[in-house]
Protein backbone atom coordinates (compact mmCIF):
# COMPACT_ATOMS: atom_id res chain seq x y z
CA MET A 1 0.00 0.00 0.00
CA GLN A 2 1.34 3.40 -0.91
CA GLU A 3 1.20 6.52 1.25
CA ARG A 4 -1.70 7.99 -0.74
CA GLU A 5 -3.84 4.88 -0.21
CA ALA A 6 -2.94 4.80 3.48
CA ARG A 7 -4.06 8.43 3.85
CA LEU A 8 -7.43 7.57 2.30
CA LEU A 9 -7.78 4.59 4.63
CA SER A 10 -7.00 6.81 7.62
CA GLU A 11 -9.41 9.56 6.53
CA SER A 12 -12.23 7.05 6.12
CA GLY A 13 -11.66 5.73 9.66
CA ASP A 14 -10.85 2.21 8.47
CA LEU A 15 -7.25 2.23 9.70
CA ASN A 16 -7.11 0.44 13.04
CA LYS A 17 -3.43 0.82 13.97
CA VAL A 18 0.08 1.41 12.69
CA VAL A 19 3.10 -0.55 13.89
CA ILE A 20 6.62 0.78 13.38
CA ALA A 21 9.12 -2.08 13.32
CA PRO A 22 12.81 -2.49 12.50
CA THR A 23 13.76 -4.32 9.33
CA ASN A 24 15.08 -7.88 9.57
CA ASP A 25 18.66 -6.69 9.10
CA ASN A 26 18.20 -3.72 11.52
CA VAL A 27 19.13 -1.21 8.83
CA GLY A 28 15.93 0.81 8.97
CA TRP A 29 12.27 0.97 9.97
CA THR A 30 9.05 -0.13 8.24
CA LEU A 31 5.36 0.65 8.75
CA LYS A 32 2.74 -2.07 9.05
CA LEU A 33 -0.82 -0.83 8.57
CA VAL A 34 -3.68 -2.80 10.12
CA ALA A 35 -7.21 -2.15 8.86
CA LYS A 36 -10.37 -2.64 10.91
CA ASN A 37 -11.20 -5.79 8.94
CA GLY A 38 -7.88 -7.33 10.08
CA ASP A 39 -6.05 -6.85 6.78
CA GLU A 40 -2.34 -6.14 7.37
CA GLN A 41 -0.19 -4.46 4.73
CA MET A 42 3.22 -2.88 4.65
CA LEU A 43 3.70 0.66 3.41
CA ASN A 44 5.36 0.31 -0.01
CA SER A 45 7.65 2.65 -1.86
CA LYS A 46 6.30 4.46 -4.89
CA ARG A 47 8.40 2.67 -7.47
CA SER A 48 8.29 -0.93 -6.28
CA LYS A 49 6.24 -3.39 -4.30
CA GLU A 50 8.98 -3.74 -1.68
CA PRO A 51 8.26 -2.34 1.79
CA ARG A 52 9.37 1.25 2.23
CA VAL A 53 12.37 1.46 4.56
CA PHE A 54 12.94 4.60 6.63
CA LYS A 55 16.46 5.32 7.87
CA THR A 56 15.30 6.58 11.26
CA SER A 57 12.31 6.05 13.50
CA ASP A 58 11.69 9.83 13.38
CA ALA A 59 11.27 9.65 9.61
CA SER A 60 8.71 6.87 10.00
CA LEU A 61 6.82 8.94 12.58
CA ARG A 62 6.75 11.94 10.25
CA CYS A 63 5.25 9.69 7.58
CA CYS A 64 2.57 8.63 10.07
CA LEU A 65 1.67 12.29 10.55
CA ARG A 66 1.45 12.82 6.78
CA ILE A 67 -0.89 9.84 6.53
CA GLY A 68 -3.05 11.27 9.29
CA VAL A 69 -2.23 8.83 12.08
CA ASN A 70 -2.01 10.33 15.56
CA GLU A 71 -0.96 7.15 17.37
CA ALA A 72 1.49 4.44 16.39
CA SER A 73 3.08 1.60 18.31
CA VAL A 74 6.75 0.66 18.08
CA SER A 75 7.82 -2.97 18.00
CA LEU A 76 11.49 -3.56 18.73
CA THR A 77 11.58 -7.17 17.55
């Protein structure tokens, strides 16, 4: 799911929660979006279907604000 689609999901009230988690190789951070119907998707980059990787947790939090999310949980594993 791209940022634009996530913003629409948030505006419609169908976004249940956002989880910020480190990548498997601990190089960056990813966003997992959970919809009210239980559907879980990663935020993707614009040019590929790979999950978008943020260099810092602050950058991922700024993206959450752009999407319209006021609360996000952080998973350290």
